[in-house]
Amino acid sequence: MRDSLHPSSSSIESRLSADGPIILPALLLCDFGHLDDEIGRLEAAGAKALHLDVMDGLFVPQLTYGLVVVEAVRRAATVPIEVHMMVERPDESAIQYARAGADIVTVHIEGLAKTKKTLAAIEATGSQAHLAISPGTPVSHVEPFLDDCSGVLVMSVEPGFGGQAFQASAIEKIEKLQEIRT
C-alpha cells in the first residue's frame, strides 16, 4: 500500500528518466545545520533525486546517520530520496528507512539473510527495492533476485570510502546485467 510519503513508482521513474546520465548527489558531506538550504540548492541546480549513504560501522568501517536524518531530508526534499544501506543485516532496518521516507531503498546482497522477503517487504511500503553488489561480488549472486527488485547498484569502488580508484570490473557487471535484462 502506497502511503503519502512516497510518489508513485511511475512518478519516480519519470523523474529519473532522461536522455543522459542521472546524477544523484550524495548528502554525506552537506551542512546538516542548514539542511533545508543545502537541499534547496541541490534541487535548484537540477538534482532529480538525492542519495543518502547509511553506514553502520560494521558492514563498512564508517558510521553515518540514521532514521532521523532520512525523516528530515524527506520533509525538506521535493525530489525522490534513495537510501543506500551499507549495513550488516539490513533485513529489518530497511523497512524502517522506507517508512521514514526513502523512495528507493538499496540493500547490499552481501548483507542480506532473507533476500526475497526483504525486497518484498520494502516494496510493500511503497518504496522501490534495489540491490547493490560490491566489486568482489559476482553478478550471479543477484541474478536469482532480479525479478524481485526494481534496480541494481553496481559498486565501482569498495563501499564505505570516497576517493577510491574506479574498478573497471564494474563495466563488465553492468554489461552482464544488461544481457540478462534483454
N, C-alpha and C. Protein backbone atom coordinates (compact mmCIF):
# COMPACT_ATOMS: atom_id res chain seq x y z
N MET A 1 0.84 -1.18 0.00
CA MET A 1 0.00 0.00 0.00
C MET A 1 0.89 1.25 0.00
N ARG A 2 0.62 2.14 -0.92
CA ARG A 2 1.39 3.36 -1.06
C ARG A 2 0.90 4.37 -0.04
N ASP A 3 1.84 4.98 0.67
CA ASP A 3 1.44 6.00 1.63
C ASP A 3 1.77 7.38 1.09
N SER A 4 1.43 8.39 1.85
CA SER A 4 1.60 9.77 1.38
C SER A 4 3.06 10.21 1.29
N LEU A 5 3.98 9.47 1.89
CA LEU A 5 5.39 9.85 1.82
C LEU A 5 5.99 9.63 0.44
N HIS A 6 5.51 8.60 -0.26
CA HIS A 6 6.18 8.16 -1.47
C HIS A 6 5.37 8.50 -2.71
N PRO A 7 6.01 9.11 -3.73
CA PRO A 7 5.33 9.26 -5.00
C PRO A 7 5.15 7.89 -5.64
N SER A 8 4.29 7.79 -6.63
CA SER A 8 4.07 6.50 -7.28
C SER A 8 5.35 6.08 -8.00
N SER A 9 5.46 4.77 -8.26
CA SER A 9 6.64 4.26 -8.96
C SER A 9 6.79 4.91 -10.32
N SER A 10 5.67 5.14 -11.02
CA SER A 10 5.76 5.77 -12.33
C SER A 10 6.26 7.21 -12.21
N SER A 11 5.91 7.89 -11.11
CA SER A 11 6.40 9.25 -10.88
C SER A 11 7.91 9.24 -10.64
N ILE A 12 8.38 8.29 -9.85
CA ILE A 12 9.82 8.17 -9.60
C ILE A 12 10.54 7.90 -10.91
N GLU A 13 10.03 6.95 -11.68
CA GLU A 13 10.67 6.60 -12.94
C GLU A 13 10.68 7.77 -13.91
N SER A 14 9.58 8.55 -13.96
CA SER A 14 9.55 9.69 -14.88
C SER A 14 10.54 10.76 -14.43
N ARG A 15 10.71 10.95 -13.13
CA ARG A 15 11.68 11.94 -12.65
C ARG A 15 13.11 11.50 -12.92
N LEU A 16 13.33 10.20 -12.93
CA LEU A 16 14.70 9.70 -13.10
C LEU A 16 15.00 9.28 -14.53
N SER A 17 14.05 9.44 -15.45
CA SER A 17 14.33 9.10 -16.84
C SER A 17 14.87 10.32 -17.55
N ALA A 18 15.82 10.10 -18.40
CA ALA A 18 16.44 11.19 -19.14
C ALA A 18 17.19 10.62 -20.33
N ASP A 19 17.63 11.50 -21.19
CA ASP A 19 18.40 11.07 -22.35
C ASP A 19 19.83 10.72 -21.99
N GLY A 20 20.32 11.24 -20.89
CA GLY A 20 21.70 11.01 -20.49
C GLY A 20 21.77 10.50 -19.07
N PRO A 21 22.95 10.51 -18.50
CA PRO A 21 23.12 10.02 -17.13
C PRO A 21 22.35 10.88 -16.12
N ILE A 22 21.90 10.24 -15.08
CA ILE A 22 21.25 10.93 -13.97
C ILE A 22 22.26 10.99 -12.83
N ILE A 23 22.42 12.15 -12.25
CA ILE A 23 23.33 12.32 -11.12
C ILE A 23 22.51 12.49 -9.86
N LEU A 24 22.74 11.62 -8.89
CA LEU A 24 22.09 11.73 -7.59
C LEU A 24 23.13 12.22 -6.60
N PRO A 25 23.08 13.50 -6.24
CA PRO A 25 24.08 14.00 -5.30
C PRO A 25 23.93 13.34 -3.93
N ALA A 26 25.06 12.96 -3.36
CA ALA A 26 25.08 12.37 -2.03
C ALA A 26 25.13 13.49 -0.99
N LEU A 27 24.42 13.30 0.10
CA LEU A 27 24.36 14.31 1.15
C LEU A 27 25.36 14.06 2.26
N LEU A 28 26.29 13.16 2.05
CA LEU A 28 27.21 12.74 3.10
C LEU A 28 27.98 13.91 3.72
N LEU A 29 28.37 14.87 2.92
CA LEU A 29 29.17 15.99 3.44
C LEU A 29 28.41 17.31 3.46
N CYS A 30 27.09 17.25 3.41
CA CYS A 30 26.34 18.50 3.44
C CYS A 30 26.38 19.11 4.84
N ASP A 31 26.01 20.36 4.93
CA ASP A 31 25.95 21.08 6.21
C ASP A 31 24.59 20.79 6.84
N PHE A 32 24.55 19.85 7.77
CA PHE A 32 23.28 19.44 8.37
C PHE A 32 22.66 20.54 9.23
N GLY A 33 23.43 21.54 9.59
CA GLY A 33 22.88 22.69 10.31
C GLY A 33 22.03 23.57 9.41
N HIS A 34 22.19 23.40 8.11
CA HIS A 34 21.44 24.16 7.11
C HIS A 34 20.87 23.20 6.06
N LEU A 35 20.29 22.11 6.52
CA LEU A 35 19.82 21.04 5.64
C LEU A 35 18.82 21.54 4.60
N ASP A 36 17.84 22.33 5.02
CA ASP A 36 16.85 22.84 4.07
C ASP A 36 17.52 23.63 2.95
N ASP A 37 18.46 24.49 3.32
CA ASP A 37 19.17 25.30 2.31
C ASP A 37 19.99 24.43 1.37
N GLU A 38 20.68 23.44 1.92
CA GLU A 38 21.51 22.55 1.11
C GLU A 38 20.65 21.80 0.09
N ILE A 39 19.53 21.26 0.55
CA ILE A 39 18.64 20.51 -0.34
C ILE A 39 18.04 21.45 -1.38
N GLY A 40 17.64 22.64 -0.96
CA GLY A 40 17.10 23.62 -1.89
C GLY A 40 18.08 23.97 -3.00
N ARG A 41 19.35 24.14 -2.64
CA ARG A 41 20.38 24.44 -3.64
C ARG A 41 20.56 23.29 -4.62
N LEU A 42 20.55 22.06 -4.11
CA LEU A 42 20.70 20.90 -4.98
C LEU A 42 19.52 20.77 -5.94
N GLU A 43 18.32 20.95 -5.41
CA GLU A 43 17.14 20.86 -6.26
C GLU A 43 17.12 21.98 -7.30
N ALA A 44 17.50 23.20 -6.89
CA ALA A 44 17.54 24.33 -7.82
C ALA A 44 18.58 24.10 -8.93
N ALA A 45 19.63 23.36 -8.62
CA ALA A 45 20.67 23.05 -9.60
C ALA A 45 20.25 21.93 -10.55
N GLY A 46 19.09 21.32 -10.30
CA GLY A 46 18.58 20.30 -11.20
C GLY A 46 18.68 18.88 -10.71
N ALA A 47 19.00 18.67 -9.44
CA ALA A 47 19.07 17.29 -8.92
C ALA A 47 17.72 16.62 -9.10
N LYS A 48 17.71 15.45 -9.71
CA LYS A 48 16.48 14.69 -9.94
C LYS A 48 16.11 13.83 -8.74
N ALA A 49 17.09 13.58 -7.88
CA ALA A 49 16.89 12.77 -6.67
C ALA A 49 18.10 13.02 -5.76
N LEU A 50 17.98 12.58 -4.52
CA LEU A 50 19.07 12.72 -3.54
C LEU A 50 19.49 11.34 -3.06
N HIS A 51 20.76 11.19 -2.74
CA HIS A 51 21.33 9.91 -2.34
C HIS A 51 21.86 10.03 -0.90
N LEU A 52 21.41 9.14 -0.05
CA LEU A 52 21.86 9.11 1.34
C LEU A 52 22.59 7.80 1.60
N ASP A 53 23.83 7.88 2.04
CA ASP A 53 24.62 6.70 2.38
C ASP A 53 24.47 6.42 3.87
N VAL A 54 23.80 5.32 4.18
CA VAL A 54 23.63 4.90 5.58
C VAL A 54 24.67 3.82 5.85
N MET A 55 25.58 4.09 6.79
CA MET A 55 26.65 3.15 7.13
C MET A 55 26.62 2.89 8.63
N ASP A 56 26.80 1.62 9.00
CA ASP A 56 26.64 1.24 10.41
C ASP A 56 27.94 1.04 11.18
N GLY A 57 29.09 1.21 10.53
CA GLY A 57 30.35 0.99 11.21
C GLY A 57 30.71 -0.49 11.32
N LEU A 58 29.87 -1.37 10.80
CA LEU A 58 30.12 -2.81 10.84
C LEU A 58 30.31 -3.37 9.43
N PHE A 59 29.32 -3.17 8.56
CA PHE A 59 29.44 -3.63 7.17
C PHE A 59 30.58 -2.88 6.49
N VAL A 60 30.68 -1.61 6.82
CA VAL A 60 31.80 -0.76 6.40
C VAL A 60 32.32 -0.06 7.65
N PRO A 61 33.58 0.38 7.65
CA PRO A 61 34.13 0.98 8.88
C PRO A 61 33.50 2.32 9.26
N GLN A 62 32.95 3.03 8.31
CA GLN A 62 32.39 4.35 8.59
C GLN A 62 31.03 4.24 9.27
N LEU A 63 30.68 5.29 9.99
CA LEU A 63 29.37 5.39 10.64
C LEU A 63 28.76 6.72 10.20
N THR A 64 27.54 6.66 9.65
CA THR A 64 26.90 7.90 9.22
C THR A 64 25.62 8.12 10.01
N TYR A 65 24.56 8.46 9.36
CA TYR A 65 23.33 8.88 10.02
C TYR A 65 22.25 7.81 9.98
N GLY A 66 21.19 8.09 10.73
CA GLY A 66 20.10 7.13 10.84
C GLY A 66 18.76 7.69 10.39
N LEU A 67 17.72 7.12 10.95
CA LEU A 67 16.35 7.41 10.54
C LEU A 67 15.97 8.88 10.68
N VAL A 68 16.43 9.53 11.73
CA VAL A 68 16.05 10.93 11.97
C VAL A 68 16.50 11.82 10.81
N VAL A 69 17.68 11.56 10.28
CA VAL A 69 18.18 12.36 9.16
C VAL A 69 17.35 12.08 7.91
N VAL A 70 17.02 10.83 7.66
CA VAL A 70 16.19 10.50 6.50
C VAL A 70 14.84 11.19 6.61
N GLU A 71 14.26 11.18 7.79
CA GLU A 71 12.97 11.87 8.00
C GLU A 71 13.11 13.37 7.74
N ALA A 72 14.19 13.98 8.18
CA ALA A 72 14.41 15.42 7.97
C ALA A 72 14.60 15.72 6.48
N VAL A 73 15.34 14.88 5.79
CA VAL A 73 15.54 15.07 4.35
C VAL A 73 14.21 14.93 3.63
N ARG A 74 13.41 13.95 4.03
CA ARG A 74 12.10 13.76 3.39
C ARG A 74 11.23 15.01 3.53
N ARG A 75 11.25 15.62 4.71
CA ARG A 75 10.45 16.83 4.93
C ARG A 75 10.94 17.98 4.06
N ALA A 76 12.24 18.06 3.82
CA ALA A 76 12.81 19.19 3.08
C ALA A 76 12.82 19.00 1.57
N ALA A 77 12.86 17.76 1.11
CA ALA A 77 13.05 17.48 -0.32
C ALA A 77 11.73 17.34 -1.06
N THR A 78 11.75 17.77 -2.31
CA THR A 78 10.60 17.54 -3.20
C THR A 78 10.92 16.46 -4.23
N VAL A 79 12.18 16.05 -4.31
CA VAL A 79 12.60 15.02 -5.25
C VAL A 79 12.70 13.68 -4.53
N PRO A 80 12.73 12.57 -5.28
CA PRO A 80 12.88 11.27 -4.64
C PRO A 80 14.18 11.15 -3.85
N ILE A 81 14.15 10.29 -2.85
CA ILE A 81 15.31 10.03 -1.99
C ILE A 81 15.69 8.56 -2.12
N GLU A 82 16.97 8.31 -2.41
CA GLU A 82 17.50 6.95 -2.41
C GLU A 82 18.35 6.78 -1.16
N VAL A 83 18.06 5.74 -0.39
CA VAL A 83 18.88 5.40 0.78
C VAL A 83 19.69 4.16 0.42
N HIS A 84 21.00 4.31 0.42
CA HIS A 84 21.93 3.21 0.14
C HIS A 84 22.42 2.68 1.47
N MET A 85 21.95 1.50 1.83
CA MET A 85 22.25 0.92 3.14
C MET A 85 23.49 0.04 3.08
N MET A 86 24.56 0.53 3.65
CA MET A 86 25.78 -0.25 3.78
C MET A 86 25.85 -0.69 5.24
N VAL A 87 25.01 -1.67 5.55
CA VAL A 87 24.85 -2.14 6.93
C VAL A 87 24.79 -3.65 6.96
N GLU A 88 25.23 -4.22 8.09
CA GLU A 88 25.06 -5.65 8.30
C GLU A 88 23.59 -5.93 8.58
N ARG A 89 23.10 -7.00 8.06
CA ARG A 89 21.72 -7.45 8.28
C ARG A 89 20.69 -6.33 8.10
N PRO A 90 20.56 -5.82 6.88
CA PRO A 90 19.59 -4.75 6.63
C PRO A 90 18.15 -5.25 6.55
N ASP A 91 17.95 -6.55 6.73
CA ASP A 91 16.63 -7.15 6.52
C ASP A 91 15.52 -6.42 7.27
N GLU A 92 15.73 -6.05 8.51
CA GLU A 92 14.68 -5.39 9.29
C GLU A 92 14.76 -3.88 9.20
N SER A 93 15.95 -3.32 9.25
CA SER A 93 16.07 -1.86 9.25
C SER A 93 15.71 -1.24 7.91
N ALA A 94 15.80 -1.99 6.82
CA ALA A 94 15.45 -1.44 5.50
C ALA A 94 14.01 -0.96 5.47
N ILE A 95 13.12 -1.68 6.09
CA ILE A 95 11.71 -1.31 6.12
C ILE A 95 11.53 -0.01 6.90
N GLN A 96 12.29 0.16 7.97
CA GLN A 96 12.20 1.39 8.76
C GLN A 96 12.63 2.60 7.92
N TYR A 97 13.66 2.44 7.10
CA TYR A 97 14.11 3.55 6.25
C TYR A 97 13.08 3.85 5.16
N ALA A 98 12.44 2.83 4.65
CA ALA A 98 11.36 3.06 3.68
C ALA A 98 10.24 3.86 4.33
N ARG A 99 9.85 3.46 5.51
CA ARG A 99 8.78 4.17 6.22
C ARG A 99 9.19 5.58 6.63
N ALA A 100 10.48 5.82 6.79
CA ALA A 100 10.97 7.15 7.15
C ALA A 100 10.93 8.12 5.97
N GLY A 101 10.71 7.58 4.76
CA GLY A 101 10.57 8.46 3.61
C GLY A 101 11.46 8.16 2.42
N ALA A 102 12.23 7.08 2.46
CA ALA A 102 13.06 6.73 1.31
C ALA A 102 12.17 6.21 0.19
N ASP A 103 12.33 6.78 -0.99
CA ASP A 103 11.57 6.31 -2.16
C ASP A 103 12.22 5.07 -2.75
N ILE A 104 13.53 5.00 -2.63
CA ILE A 104 14.30 3.84 -3.09
C ILE A 104 15.18 3.41 -1.93
N VAL A 105 15.13 2.12 -1.60
CA VAL A 105 15.99 1.56 -0.55
C VAL A 105 16.90 0.54 -1.23
N THR A 106 18.20 0.82 -1.20
CA THR A 106 19.19 -0.06 -1.82
C THR A 106 19.92 -0.82 -0.72
N VAL A 107 19.86 -2.15 -0.80
CA VAL A 107 20.50 -3.01 0.20
C VAL A 107 21.54 -3.89 -0.48
N HIS A 108 22.64 -4.14 0.21
CA HIS A 108 23.71 -4.96 -0.34
C HIS A 108 23.36 -6.44 -0.22
N ILE A 109 23.50 -7.14 -1.33
CA ILE A 109 23.24 -8.58 -1.36
C ILE A 109 24.13 -9.29 -0.34
N GLU A 110 25.32 -8.77 -0.11
CA GLU A 110 26.26 -9.42 0.80
C GLU A 110 25.79 -9.40 2.25
N GLY A 111 24.89 -8.51 2.61
CA GLY A 111 24.44 -8.40 3.99
C GLY A 111 23.08 -9.00 4.27
N LEU A 112 22.39 -9.46 3.23
CA LEU A 112 21.02 -9.94 3.41
C LEU A 112 20.97 -11.40 3.84
N ALA A 113 20.06 -11.70 4.75
CA ALA A 113 19.82 -13.07 5.17
C ALA A 113 18.61 -13.65 4.43
N LYS A 114 17.60 -12.82 4.23
CA LYS A 114 16.35 -13.26 3.59
C LYS A 114 16.04 -12.30 2.44
N THR A 115 16.73 -12.49 1.34
CA THR A 115 16.70 -11.52 0.25
C THR A 115 15.30 -11.30 -0.31
N LYS A 116 14.63 -12.36 -0.74
CA LYS A 116 13.30 -12.20 -1.33
C LYS A 116 12.32 -11.55 -0.36
N LYS A 117 12.34 -12.01 0.87
CA LYS A 117 11.43 -11.48 1.88
C LYS A 117 11.70 -9.99 2.14
N THR A 118 12.95 -9.62 2.23
CA THR A 118 13.30 -8.22 2.49
C THR A 118 12.91 -7.33 1.32
N LEU A 119 13.20 -7.76 0.10
CA LEU A 119 12.83 -6.96 -1.07
C LEU A 119 11.31 -6.78 -1.14
N ALA A 120 10.57 -7.85 -0.89
CA ALA A 120 9.10 -7.76 -0.91
C ALA A 120 8.58 -6.82 0.18
N ALA A 121 9.19 -6.87 1.35
CA ALA A 121 8.76 -6.01 2.45
C ALA A 121 9.04 -4.54 2.13
N ILE A 122 10.16 -4.25 1.50
CA ILE A 122 10.46 -2.87 1.10
C ILE A 122 9.41 -2.40 0.09
N GLU A 123 9.17 -3.20 -0.93
CA GLU A 123 8.20 -2.84 -1.96
C GLU A 123 6.80 -2.66 -1.37
N ALA A 124 6.46 -3.44 -0.35
CA ALA A 124 5.13 -3.34 0.27
C ALA A 124 4.91 -2.00 0.97
N THR A 125 5.99 -1.30 1.31
CA THR A 125 5.86 0.02 1.95
C THR A 125 5.56 1.12 0.93
N GLY A 126 5.72 0.81 -0.35
CA GLY A 126 5.57 1.82 -1.39
C GLY A 126 6.89 2.31 -1.93
N SER A 127 7.97 1.88 -1.34
CA SER A 127 9.31 2.23 -1.83
C SER A 127 9.76 1.21 -2.86
N GLN A 128 10.71 1.61 -3.69
CA GLN A 128 11.33 0.66 -4.60
C GLN A 128 12.49 -0.02 -3.88
N ALA A 129 12.64 -1.31 -4.11
CA ALA A 129 13.74 -2.08 -3.54
C ALA A 129 14.81 -2.28 -4.61
N HIS A 130 16.02 -1.88 -4.30
CA HIS A 130 17.16 -2.09 -5.19
C HIS A 130 18.19 -2.95 -4.46
N LEU A 131 18.96 -3.70 -5.23
CA LEU A 131 20.08 -4.47 -4.68
C LEU A 131 21.38 -3.77 -5.06
N ALA A 132 22.38 -3.90 -4.22
CA ALA A 132 23.73 -3.41 -4.52
C ALA A 132 24.69 -4.59 -4.46
N ILE A 133 25.70 -4.54 -5.33
CA ILE A 133 26.75 -5.56 -5.28
C ILE A 133 28.11 -4.86 -5.21
N SER A 134 28.92 -5.34 -4.31
CA SER A 134 30.28 -4.81 -4.12
C SER A 134 31.19 -5.32 -5.24
N PRO A 135 32.34 -4.69 -5.44
CA PRO A 135 33.24 -5.07 -6.52
C PRO A 135 33.62 -6.56 -6.54
N GLY A 136 33.79 -7.17 -5.39
CA GLY A 136 34.20 -8.57 -5.35
C GLY A 136 33.07 -9.58 -5.47
N THR A 137 31.85 -9.11 -5.62
CA THR A 137 30.69 -9.99 -5.68
C THR A 137 30.27 -10.21 -7.12
N PRO A 138 30.16 -11.47 -7.55
CA PRO A 138 29.75 -11.73 -8.93
C PRO A 138 28.26 -11.44 -9.15
N VAL A 139 27.92 -11.12 -10.39
CA VAL A 139 26.53 -10.85 -10.77
C VAL A 139 25.63 -12.05 -10.46
N SER A 140 26.18 -13.24 -10.50
CA SER A 140 25.38 -14.45 -10.23
C SER A 140 24.73 -14.41 -8.85
N HIS A 141 25.26 -13.62 -7.93
CA HIS A 141 24.67 -13.54 -6.59
C HIS A 141 23.36 -12.75 -6.59
N VAL A 142 23.20 -11.81 -7.52
CA VAL A 142 21.95 -11.04 -7.58
C VAL A 142 20.99 -11.57 -8.64
N GLU A 143 21.50 -12.33 -9.58
CA GLU A 143 20.68 -12.80 -10.70
C GLU A 143 19.38 -13.48 -10.27
N PRO A 144 19.38 -14.35 -9.25
CA PRO A 144 18.12 -15.00 -8.86
C PRO A 144 17.06 -14.04 -8.33
N PHE A 145 17.45 -12.80 -8.02
CA PHE A 145 16.53 -11.85 -7.38
C PHE A 145 16.17 -10.67 -8.27
N LEU A 146 16.57 -10.71 -9.53
CA LEU A 146 16.33 -9.57 -10.41
C LEU A 146 14.84 -9.29 -10.63
N ASP A 147 14.02 -10.32 -10.61
CA ASP A 147 12.57 -10.11 -10.75
C ASP A 147 11.94 -9.58 -9.47
N ASP A 148 12.68 -9.60 -8.37
CA ASP A 148 12.15 -9.18 -7.07
C ASP A 148 12.55 -7.75 -6.71
N CYS A 149 13.38 -7.12 -7.53
CA CYS A 149 13.84 -5.76 -7.21
C CYS A 149 13.61 -4.84 -8.40
N SER A 150 13.67 -3.55 -8.14
CA SER A 150 13.44 -2.55 -9.18
C SER A 150 14.73 -2.05 -9.82
N GLY A 151 15.88 -2.41 -9.26
CA GLY A 151 17.14 -1.95 -9.82
C GLY A 151 18.32 -2.57 -9.11
N VAL A 152 19.50 -2.40 -9.72
CA VAL A 152 20.74 -2.91 -9.14
C VAL A 152 21.79 -1.80 -9.18
N LEU A 153 22.42 -1.56 -8.05
CA LEU A 153 23.54 -0.63 -7.96
C LEU A 153 24.82 -1.45 -8.02
N VAL A 154 25.60 -1.24 -9.08
CA VAL A 154 26.88 -1.91 -9.23
C VAL A 154 27.95 -0.97 -8.68
N MET A 155 28.55 -1.37 -7.58
CA MET A 155 29.59 -0.55 -6.95
C MET A 155 30.88 -0.64 -7.77
N SER A 156 31.45 0.52 -8.08
CA SER A 156 32.71 0.56 -8.81
C SER A 156 33.88 0.86 -7.89
N VAL A 157 33.59 0.95 -6.59
CA VAL A 157 34.60 1.10 -5.54
C VAL A 157 34.14 0.27 -4.35
N GLU A 158 35.04 -0.01 -3.44
CA GLU A 158 34.64 -0.72 -2.23
C GLU A 158 33.73 0.19 -1.41
N PRO A 159 32.62 -0.33 -0.90
CA PRO A 159 31.71 0.52 -0.14
C PRO A 159 32.35 1.07 1.13
N GLY A 160 31.97 2.30 1.45
CA GLY A 160 32.38 2.88 2.72
C GLY A 160 33.35 4.03 2.67
N PHE A 161 34.07 4.20 1.57
CA PHE A 161 35.06 5.28 1.50
C PHE A 161 35.00 5.96 0.14
N GLY A 162 35.11 7.27 0.14
CA GLY A 162 35.20 8.02 -1.10
C GLY A 162 36.64 8.12 -1.56
N GLY A 163 36.83 8.65 -2.75
CA GLY A 163 38.17 8.92 -3.26
C GLY A 163 38.94 7.72 -3.76
N GLN A 164 38.28 6.60 -3.97
CA GLN A 164 38.97 5.40 -4.46
C GLN A 164 39.04 5.40 -5.98
N ALA A 165 39.96 4.63 -6.51
CA ALA A 165 40.07 4.47 -7.96
C ALA A 165 38.92 3.61 -8.48
N PHE A 166 38.41 3.98 -9.63
CA PHE A 166 37.34 3.24 -10.30
C PHE A 166 37.82 1.83 -10.63
N GLN A 167 37.00 0.83 -10.35
CA GLN A 167 37.33 -0.56 -10.69
C GLN A 167 36.59 -0.94 -11.96
N ALA A 168 37.35 -1.17 -13.02
CA ALA A 168 36.77 -1.43 -14.34
C ALA A 168 35.89 -2.67 -14.38
N SER A 169 36.03 -3.56 -13.42
CA SER A 169 35.18 -4.76 -13.40
C SER A 169 33.70 -4.39 -13.30
N ALA A 170 33.40 -3.18 -12.85
CA ALA A 170 32.01 -2.73 -12.77
C ALA A 170 31.38 -2.67 -14.15
N ILE A 171 32.15 -2.29 -15.16
CA ILE A 171 31.62 -2.21 -16.52
C ILE A 171 31.18 -3.58 -16.99
N GLU A 172 31.99 -4.60 -16.73
CA GLU A 172 31.63 -5.97 -17.12
C GLU A 172 30.35 -6.41 -16.42
N LYS A 173 30.19 -6.05 -15.17
CA LYS A 173 28.98 -6.41 -14.44
C LYS A 173 27.75 -5.72 -15.02
N ILE A 174 27.90 -4.46 -15.37
CA ILE A 174 26.79 -3.73 -15.98
C ILE A 174 26.42 -4.36 -17.31
N GLU A 175 27.42 -4.72 -18.10
CA GLU A 175 27.15 -5.38 -19.39
C GLU A 175 26.44 -6.71 -19.17
N LYS A 176 26.87 -7.48 -18.19
CA LYS A 176 26.24 -8.77 -17.89
C LYS A 176 24.78 -8.57 -17.46
N LEU A 177 24.53 -7.59 -16.61
CA LEU A 177 23.15 -7.31 -16.19
C LEU A 177 22.30 -6.86 -17.37
N GLN A 178 22.88 -6.08 -18.27
CA GLN A 178 22.15 -5.65 -19.47
C GLN A 178 21.80 -6.85 -20.34
N GLU A 179 22.73 -7.79 -20.49
CA GLU A 179 22.47 -9.02 -21.25
C GLU A 179 21.30 -9.80 -20.65
N ILE A 180 21.31 -9.93 -19.35
CA ILE A 180 20.25 -10.67 -18.65
C ILE A 180 18.91 -9.97 -18.85
N ARG A 181 18.94 -8.64 -18.81
CA ARG A 181 17.71 -7.85 -18.92
C ARG A 181 17.05 -7.98 -20.28
N THR A 182 17.87 -8.10 -21.35
CA THR A 182 17.30 -8.14 -22.70
C THR A 182 17.03 -9.52 -23.20
